[in-house]
Amino acid sequence: MSKLKIIFLLLSSALLSACSEGPGPLEGSWKMSGLMPLTVTYRDGEEESMGLISKVTYKHEGNDVLVTYVDGLAKGTTMRVSITGPNTAVTGMGKLIRIK
């Protein structure tokens, strides 16, 4: 791989990570009830559920956290998570209750 390609990849990665605000109040593990009961874990730059780790970015709008998928099947999709309390949140797929 040429030096120019390596520099481009490093700069792209740095810009992408700089755009993300981190999960903030969403950080940690949550149990989701509703259409699809499961456990979801939000970390800096990642979301994990059902054993799959997806690269994501986060954007904060008031009490909402917008989670945008950077790769995988949901690439380009944004999910709004509304923080309703210190240990509760709501998404279009169901209610989240913090477990860790």
Protein backbone atom coordinates (compact mmCIF):
# COMPACT_ATOMS: atom_id res chain seq x y z
CA MET A 1 0.00 0.00 0.00
CA SER A 2 1.41 3.39 -0.92
CA LYS A 3 2.18 6.04 1.68
CA LEU A 4 -0.47 8.30 0.16
CA LYS A 5 -3.19 5.65 0.64
CA ILE A 6 -2.10 5.04 4.23
CA ILE A 7 -2.17 8.78 5.00
CA PHE A 8 -5.63 9.06 3.40
CA LEU A 9 -6.97 6.15 5.47
CA LEU A 10 -5.55 7.59 8.69
CA LEU A 11 -7.03 11.03 7.99
CA SER A 12 -10.41 9.54 7.09
CA SER A 13 -10.47 7.53 10.32
CA ALA A 14 -9.51 10.59 12.36
CA LEU A 15 -12.23 12.71 10.75
CA LEU A 16 -14.87 10.03 11.26
CA SER A 17 -14.01 9.59 14.93
CA ALA A 18 -13.94 13.37 15.42
CA CYS A 19 -17.50 13.64 14.07
CA SER A 20 -18.89 11.31 16.72
CA GLU A 21 -19.87 12.79 20.07
CA GLY A 22 -19.75 9.48 21.93
CA PRO A 23 -22.78 7.75 23.45
CA GLY A 24 -23.00 10.13 26.42
CA PRO A 25 -26.03 9.22 28.57
CA LEU A 26 -26.61 6.18 26.37
CA GLU A 27 -23.28 4.56 27.27
CA GLY A 28 -23.60 1.13 28.87
CA SER A 29 -25.85 -1.91 28.55
CA TRP A 30 -29.61 -1.74 28.20
CA LYS A 31 -32.40 -4.33 28.13
CA MET A 32 -34.94 -3.65 25.38
CA SER A 33 -38.56 -4.70 25.68
CA GLY A 34 -41.09 -4.46 22.90
CA LEU A 35 -41.04 -5.91 19.38
CA MET A 36 -37.64 -7.51 19.84
CA PRO A 37 -36.52 -8.17 23.44
CA LEU A 38 -32.71 -8.06 23.58
CA THR A 39 -29.69 -6.53 25.28
CA VAL A 40 -27.95 -3.59 23.60
CA THR A 41 -24.58 -2.15 24.64
CA TYR A 42 -23.45 1.30 23.52
CA ARG A 43 -19.73 2.14 23.57
CA ASP A 44 -17.65 4.86 21.97
CA GLY A 45 -17.97 4.22 18.22
CA GLU A 46 -19.84 0.91 18.63
CA GLU A 47 -23.18 -0.68 19.34
CA GLU A 48 -23.41 -4.37 20.26
CA SER A 49 -26.52 -6.52 20.19
CA MET A 50 -27.20 -10.20 19.49
CA GLY A 51 -23.45 -10.81 19.37
CA LEU A 52 -22.95 -8.34 16.51
CA ILE A 53 -20.78 -5.25 16.90
CA SER A 54 -21.64 -2.38 14.57
CA LYS A 55 -19.59 0.76 14.01
CA VAL A 56 -21.73 3.81 14.77
CA THR A 57 -21.53 7.54 15.30
CA TYR A 58 -23.53 9.48 17.87
CA LYS A 59 -25.09 12.94 17.69
CA HIS A 60 -26.89 14.61 20.59
CA GLU A 61 -30.04 16.70 20.16
CA GLY A 62 -31.48 17.74 23.51
CA ASN A 63 -32.62 14.53 25.27
CA ASP A 64 -32.19 12.49 22.09
CA VAL A 65 -29.15 10.57 20.89
CA LEU A 66 -29.03 9.87 17.16
CA VAL A 67 -27.20 6.59 16.47
CA THR A 68 -26.02 6.30 12.85
CA TYR A 69 -24.69 2.98 11.57
CA VAL A 70 -21.43 3.31 9.64
CA ASP A 71 -21.19 -0.28 8.36
CA GLY A 72 -23.10 -3.55 8.11
CA LEU A 73 -26.69 -4.19 7.04
CA ALA A 74 -27.96 -0.98 8.62
CA LYS A 75 -25.23 1.21 7.07
CA GLY A 76 -26.51 4.78 6.67
CA THR A 77 -29.52 4.21 8.94
CA THR A 78 -30.05 6.52 11.92
CA MET A 79 -32.01 5.50 15.02
CA ARG A 80 -33.31 8.09 17.50
CA VAL A 81 -33.01 7.14 21.17
CA SER A 82 -34.90 9.46 23.53
CA ILE A 83 -33.50 9.53 27.07
CA THR A 84 -36.52 9.61 29.41
CA GLY A 85 -34.69 9.23 32.73
CA PRO A 86 -31.30 8.28 34.18
CA ASN A 87 -31.98 4.58 33.52
CA THR A 88 -34.71 4.64 30.86
CA ALA A 89 -34.92 5.47 27.17
CA VAL A 90 -37.28 4.89 24.26
CA THR A 91 -36.61 3.93 20.63
CA GLY A 92 -38.90 3.11 17.74
CA MET A 93 -38.29 -0.56 18.54
CA GLY A 94 -39.17 -0.45 22.24
CA LYS A 95 -38.31 0.78 25.72
CA LEU A 96 -34.75 0.53 27.08
CA ILE A 97 -33.92 -0.04 30.76
CA ARG A 98 -30.29 0.34 31.86
CA ILE A 99 -28.78 -2.83 33.31
CA LYS A 100 -25.11 -1.69 33.61
